[in-house]
PDB file of N, CA and C in Angstrom:
ATOM      1  N   MET A   1       0.963 -11.233  18.118  1.00  0.00           N
ATOM      2  CA  MET A   1      -0.085 -10.505  17.420  1.00  0.00           C
ATOM      3  C   MET A   1       0.541  -9.353  16.649  1.00  0.00           C
ATOM      4  N   LYS A   2       0.062  -9.157  15.446  1.00  0.00           N
ATOM      5  CA  LYS A   2       0.549  -8.068  14.608  1.00  0.00           C
ATOM      6  C   LYS A   2      -0.543  -7.011  14.471  1.00  0.00           C
ATOM      7  N   PHE A   3      -0.163  -5.763  14.673  1.00  0.00           N
ATOM      8  CA  PHE A   3      -1.071  -4.645  14.478  1.00  0.00           C
ATOM      9  C   PHE A   3      -0.514  -3.739  13.392  1.00  0.00           C
ATOM     10  N   ILE A   4      -1.398  -3.171  12.584  1.00  0.00           N
ATOM     11  CA  ILE A   4      -0.995  -2.151  11.618  1.00  0.00           C
ATOM     12  C   ILE A   4      -1.907  -0.945  11.802  1.00  0.00           C
ATOM     13  N   THR A   5      -1.436   0.221  11.405  1.00  0.00           N
ATOM     14  CA  THR A   5      -2.219   1.449  11.492  1.00  0.00           C
ATOM     15  C   THR A   5      -2.673   1.832  10.098  1.00  0.00           C
ATOM     16  N   LEU A   6      -3.980   1.990   9.927  1.00  0.00           N
ATOM     17  CA  LEU A   6      -4.553   2.330   8.629  1.00  0.00           C
ATOM     18  C   LEU A   6      -5.243   3.685   8.681  1.00  0.00           C
ATOM     19  N   ASN A   7      -5.319   4.342   7.536  1.00  0.00           N
ATOM     20  CA  ASN A   7      -6.087   5.579   7.429  1.00  0.00           C
ATOM     21  C   ASN A   7      -7.564   5.233   7.496  1.00  0.00           C
ATOM     22  N   TYR A   8      -8.275   5.936   8.360  1.00  0.00           N
ATOM     23  CA  TYR A   8      -9.707   5.682   8.540  1.00  0.00           C
ATOM     24  C   TYR A   8     -10.367   7.034   8.738  1.00  0.00           C
ATOM     25  N   GLY A   9     -10.688   7.699   7.616  1.00  0.00           N
ATOM     26  CA  GLY A   9     -11.123   9.090   7.708  1.00  0.00           C
ATOM     27  C   GLY A   9      -9.907   9.929   8.031  1.00  0.00           C
ATOM     28  N   SER A  10     -10.065  10.936   8.875  1.00  0.00           N
ATOM     29  CA  SER A  10      -8.906  11.740   9.245  1.00  0.00           C
ATOM     30  C   SER A  10      -8.087  11.103  10.365  1.00  0.00           C
ATOM     31  N   PRO A  11      -8.716  10.352  11.302  1.00  0.00           N
ATOM     32  CA  PRO A  11      -7.867   9.656  12.278  1.00  0.00           C
ATOM     33  C   PRO A  11      -7.304   8.377  11.675  1.00  0.00           C
ATOM     34  N   THR A  12      -6.492   7.691  12.438  1.00  0.00           N
ATOM     35  CA  THR A  12      -6.001   6.384  12.000  1.00  0.00           C
ATOM     36  C   THR A  12      -6.624   5.312  12.883  1.00  0.00           C
ATOM     37  N   LEU A  13      -6.583   4.095  12.409  1.00  0.00           N
ATOM     38  CA  LEU A  13      -7.195   2.978  13.118  1.00  0.00           C
ATOM     39  C   LEU A  13      -6.163   1.873  13.276  1.00  0.00           C
ATOM     40  N   LEU A  14      -6.029   1.363  14.490  1.00  0.00           N
ATOM     41  CA  LEU A  14      -5.124   0.250  14.757  1.00  0.00           C
ATOM     42  C   LEU A  14      -5.877  -1.043  14.478  1.00  0.00           C
ATOM     43  N   VAL A  15      -5.316  -1.881  13.612  1.00  0.00           N
ATOM     44  CA  VAL A  15      -6.003  -3.091  13.159  1.00  0.00           C
ATOM     45  C   VAL A  15      -5.161  -4.314  13.507  1.00  0.00           C
ATOM     46  N   LEU A  16      -5.815  -5.341  14.029  1.00  0.00           N
ATOM     47  CA  LEU A  16      -5.150  -6.608  14.306  1.00  0.00           C
ATOM     48  C   LEU A  16      -5.103  -7.409  13.007  1.00  0.00           C
ATOM     49  N   VAL A  17      -3.897  -7.653  12.506  1.00  0.00           N
ATOM     50  CA  VAL A  17      -3.711  -8.293  11.200  1.00  0.00           C
ATOM     51  C   VAL A  17      -4.394  -9.658  11.136  1.00  0.00           C
ATOM     52  N   GLU A  18      -4.302 -10.423  12.219  1.00  0.00           N
ATOM     53  CA  GLU A  18      -4.866 -11.774  12.226  1.00  0.00           C
ATOM     54  C   GLU A  18      -6.384 -11.784  12.042  1.00  0.00           C
ATOM     55  N   GLU A  19      -7.036 -10.654  12.286  1.00  0.00           N
ATOM     56  CA  GLU A  19      -8.492 -10.584  12.162  1.00  0.00           C
ATOM     57  C   GLU A  19      -8.952 -10.198  10.755  1.00  0.00           C
ATOM     58  N   ILE A  20      -8.004  -9.805   9.883  1.00  0.00           N
ATOM     59  CA  ILE A  20      -8.375  -9.420   8.518  1.00  0.00           C
ATOM     60  C   ILE A  20      -8.701 -10.677   7.718  1.00  0.00           C
ATOM     61  N   LEU A  21      -9.873 -10.700   7.125  1.00  0.00           N
ATOM     62  CA  LEU A  21     -10.277 -11.831   6.286  1.00  0.00           C
ATOM     63  C   LEU A  21      -9.786 -11.604   4.862  1.00  0.00           C
ATOM     64  N   TYR A  22     -10.124 -10.435   4.296  1.00  0.00           N
ATOM     65  CA  TYR A  22      -9.626 -10.072   2.975  1.00  0.00           C
ATOM     66  C   TYR A  22      -9.825  -8.584   2.734  1.00  0.00           C
ATOM     67  N   VAL A  23      -9.190  -8.081   1.670  1.00  0.00           N
ATOM     68  CA  VAL A  23      -9.298  -6.675   1.280  1.00  0.00           C
ATOM     69  C   VAL A  23      -9.918  -6.620  -0.102  1.00  0.00           C
ATOM     70  N   VAL A  24     -10.935  -5.779  -0.253  1.00  0.00           N
ATOM     71  CA  VAL A  24     -11.616  -5.626  -1.537  1.00  0.00           C
ATOM     72  C   VAL A  24     -11.198  -4.293  -2.144  1.00  0.00           C
ATOM     73  N   PRO A  25     -10.440  -4.317  -3.250  1.00  0.00           N
ATOM     74  CA  PRO A  25     -10.071  -3.055  -3.892  1.00  0.00           C
ATOM     75  C   PRO A  25     -11.291  -2.415  -4.538  1.00  0.00           C
ATOM     76  N   LYS A  26     -11.394  -1.100  -4.412  1.00  0.00           N
ATOM     77  CA  LYS A  26     -12.512  -0.387  -5.025  1.00  0.00           C
ATOM     78  C   LYS A  26     -11.945   0.623  -6.008  1.00  0.00           C
ATOM     79  N   ASP A  27     -12.597   0.733  -7.104  1.00  0.00           N
ATOM     80  CA  ASP A  27     -12.166   1.682  -8.126  1.00  0.00           C
ATOM     81  C   ASP A  27     -13.125   2.862  -8.133  1.00  0.00           C
ATOM     82  N   ASP A  28     -13.093   3.654  -7.090  1.00  0.00           N
ATOM     83  CA  ASP A  28     -13.968   4.824  -7.059  1.00  0.00           C
ATOM     84  C   ASP A  28     -13.130   6.094  -6.995  1.00  0.00           C
ATOM     85  N   GLU A  29     -13.806   7.225  -7.044  1.00  0.00           N
ATOM     86  CA  GLU A  29     -13.102   8.502  -7.089  1.00  0.00           C
ATOM     87  C   GLU A  29     -12.337   8.783  -5.801  1.00  0.00           C
ATOM     88  N   GLN A  30     -12.755   8.182  -4.690  1.00  0.00           N
ATOM     89  CA  GLN A  30     -12.054   8.410  -3.429  1.00  0.00           C
ATOM     90  C   GLN A  30     -10.888   7.439  -3.243  1.00  0.00           C
ATOM     91  N   GLY A  31     -10.853   6.379  -4.026  1.00  0.00           N
ATOM     92  CA  GLY A  31      -9.764   5.412  -3.924  1.00  0.00           C
ATOM     93  C   GLY A  31      -9.773   4.620  -2.630  1.00  0.00           C
ATOM     94  N   THR A  32     -10.959   4.347  -2.102  1.00  0.00           N
ATOM     95  CA  THR A  32     -11.024   3.603  -0.846  1.00  0.00           C
ATOM     96  C   THR A  32     -11.047   2.101  -1.091  1.00  0.00           C
ATOM     97  N   ASN A  33     -10.453   1.370  -0.175  1.00  0.00           N
ATOM     98  CA  ASN A  33     -10.477  -0.088  -0.197  1.00  0.00           C
ATOM     99  C   ASN A  33     -11.288  -0.570   0.994  1.00  0.00           C
ATOM    100  N   THR A  34     -12.019  -1.653   0.811  1.00  0.00           N
ATOM    101  CA  THR A  34     -12.813  -2.232   1.890  1.00  0.00           C
ATOM    102  C   THR A  34     -12.022  -3.356   2.539  1.00  0.00           C
ATOM    103  N   ILE A  35     -11.913  -3.315   3.857  1.00  0.00           N
ATOM    104  CA  ILE A  35     -11.269  -4.394   4.597  1.00  0.00           C
ATOM    105  C   ILE A  35     -12.358  -5.157   5.333  1.00  0.00           C
ATOM    106  N   LYS A  36     -12.445  -6.436   5.051  1.00  0.00           N
ATOM    107  CA  LYS A  36     -13.444  -7.311   5.682  1.00  0.00           C
ATOM    108  C   LYS A  36     -12.743  -8.119   6.770  1.00  0.00           C
ATOM    109  N   PHE A  37     -13.356  -8.126   7.962  1.00  0.00           N
ATOM    110  CA  PHE A  37     -12.786  -8.845   9.097  1.00  0.00           C
ATOM    111  C   PHE A  37     -13.497 -10.169   9.327  1.00  0.00           C
ATOM    112  N   LYS A  38     -12.835 -11.069  10.029  1.00  0.00           N
ATOM    113  CA  LYS A  38     -13.411 -12.379  10.342  1.00  0.00           C
ATOM    114  C   LYS A  38     -14.718 -12.246  11.108  1.00  0.00           C
ATOM    115  N   SER A  39     -14.874 -11.163  11.869  1.00  0.00           N
ATOM    116  CA  SER A  39     -16.088 -10.932  12.656  1.00  0.00           C
ATOM    117  C   SER A  39     -17.271 -10.526  11.787  1.00  0.00           C
ATOM    118  N   GLY A  40     -17.001 -10.213  10.506  1.00  0.00           N
ATOM    119  CA  GLY A  40     -18.054  -9.752   9.610  1.00  0.00           C
ATOM    120  C   GLY A  40     -18.069  -8.241   9.448  1.00  0.00           C
ATOM    121  N   GLN A  41     -17.348  -7.535  10.300  1.00  0.00           N
ATOM    122  CA  GLN A  41     -17.281  -6.078  10.223  1.00  0.00           C
ATOM    123  C   GLN A  41     -16.460  -5.654   9.011  1.00  0.00           C
ATOM    124  N   GLU A  42     -16.802  -4.493   8.446  1.00  0.00           N
ATOM    125  CA  GLU A  42     -16.049  -3.927   7.330  1.00  0.00           C
ATOM    126  C   GLU A  42     -15.646  -2.507   7.668  1.00  0.00           C
ATOM    127  N   ILE A  43     -14.468  -2.106   7.203  1.00  0.00           N
ATOM    128  CA  ILE A  43     -14.072  -0.708   7.277  1.00  0.00           C
ATOM    129  C   ILE A  43     -13.579  -0.288   5.897  1.00  0.00           C
ATOM    130  N   TYR A  44     -13.536   1.006   5.688  1.00  0.00           N
ATOM    131  CA  TYR A  44     -13.022   1.564   4.438  1.00  0.00           C
ATOM    132  C   TYR A  44     -11.761   2.340   4.763  1.00  0.00           C
ATOM    133  N   THR A  45     -10.739   2.161   3.945  1.00  0.00           N
ATOM    134  CA  THR A  45      -9.477   2.853   4.168  1.00  0.00           C
ATOM    135  C   THR A  45      -8.965   3.429   2.855  1.00  0.00           C
ATOM    136  N   THR A  46      -8.223   4.526   2.957  1.00  0.00           N
ATOM    137  CA  THR A  46      -7.620   5.123   1.765  1.00  0.00           C
ATOM    138  C   THR A  46      -6.233   4.547   1.501  1.00  0.00           C
ATOM    139  N   ASN A  47      -5.749   3.670   2.385  1.00  0.00           N
ATOM    140  CA  ASN A  47      -4.477   2.996   2.121  1.00  0.00           C
ATOM    141  C   ASN A  47      -4.619   2.126   0.881  1.00  0.00           C
ATOM    142  N   THR A  48      -3.585   2.120   0.057  1.00  0.00           N
ATOM    143  CA  THR A  48      -3.608   1.257  -1.125  1.00  0.00           C
ATOM    144  C   THR A  48      -3.319  -0.182  -0.702  1.00  0.00           C
ATOM    145  N   ILE A  49      -3.606  -1.122  -1.604  1.00  0.00           N
ATOM    146  CA  ILE A  49      -3.316  -2.527  -1.326  1.00  0.00           C
ATOM    147  C   ILE A  49      -1.813  -2.704  -1.070  1.00  0.00           C
ATOM    148  N   ALA A  50      -0.986  -2.039  -1.866  1.00  0.00           N
ATOM    149  CA  ALA A  50       0.466  -2.143  -1.704  1.00  0.00           C
ATOM    150  C   ALA A  50       0.900  -1.614  -0.336  1.00  0.00           C
ATOM    151  N   GLU A  51       0.300  -0.513   0.114  1.00  0.00           N
ATOM    152  CA  GLU A  51       0.636   0.037   1.429  1.00  0.00           C
ATOM    153  C   GLU A  51       0.239  -0.928   2.547  1.00  0.00           C
ATOM    154  N   ILE A  52      -0.934  -1.525   2.418  1.00  0.00           N
ATOM    155  CA  ILE A  52      -1.409  -2.466   3.435  1.00  0.00           C
ATOM    156  C   ILE A  52      -0.477  -3.670   3.518  1.00  0.00           C
ATOM    157  N   LEU A  53      -0.107  -4.218   2.367  1.00  0.00           N
ATOM    158  CA  LEU A  53       0.806  -5.368   2.348  1.00  0.00           C
ATOM    159  C   LEU A  53       2.172  -5.004   2.926  1.00  0.00           C
ATOM    160  N   ALA A  54       2.667  -3.817   2.603  1.00  0.00           N
ATOM    161  CA  ALA A  54       3.965  -3.379   3.121  1.00  0.00           C
ATOM    162  C   ALA A  54       3.911  -3.225   4.639  1.00  0.00           C
ATOM    163  N   LEU A  55       2.805  -2.688   5.157  1.00  0.00           N
ATOM    164  CA  LEU A  55       2.661  -2.545   6.607  1.00  0.00           C
ATOM    165  C   LEU A  55       2.673  -3.908   7.291  1.00  0.00           C
ATOM    166  N   ILE A  56       1.980  -4.871   6.699  1.00  0.00           N
ATOM    167  CA  ILE A  56       1.925  -6.221   7.273  1.00  0.00           C
ATOM    168  C   ILE A  56       3.305  -6.877   7.239  1.00  0.00           C
ATOM    169  N   GLU A  57       4.012  -6.733   6.119  1.00  0.00           N
ATOM    170  CA  GLU A  57       5.328  -7.355   5.975  1.00  0.00           C
ATOM    171  C   GLU A  57       6.363  -6.730   6.903  1.00  0.00           C
ATOM    172  N   ASP A  58       6.189  -5.450   7.252  1.00  0.00           N
ATOM    173  CA  ASP A  58       7.144  -4.763   8.116  1.00  0.00           C
ATOM    174  C   ASP A  58       7.022  -5.170   9.581  1.00  0.00           C
ATOM    175  N   GLN A  59       5.951  -5.855   9.929  1.00  0.00           N
ATOM    176  CA  GLN A  59       5.748  -6.259  11.323  1.00  0.00           C
ATOM    177  C   GLN A  59       6.615  -7.469  11.653  1.00  0.00           C
ATOM    178  N   PRO A  60       7.175  -7.491  12.855  1.00  0.00           N
ATOM    179  CA  PRO A  60       8.022  -8.636  13.255  1.00  0.00           C
ATOM    180  C   PRO A  60       7.205  -9.905  13.447  1.00  0.00           C
TER     181      PRO A  60
END
């Protein structure tokens, strides 16, 4: 199992990579991206798409 840590407000959130369905880039003033999970849940993160991909690729 691969976990990554994402910005989620001021704390961080540990996310199971295998549960991510897709990431929706948003072009708003806050620069948040929506992460949609297989369970149907969504979270918003300030991590960029490039940062998210780099975190996933860095996992063994």
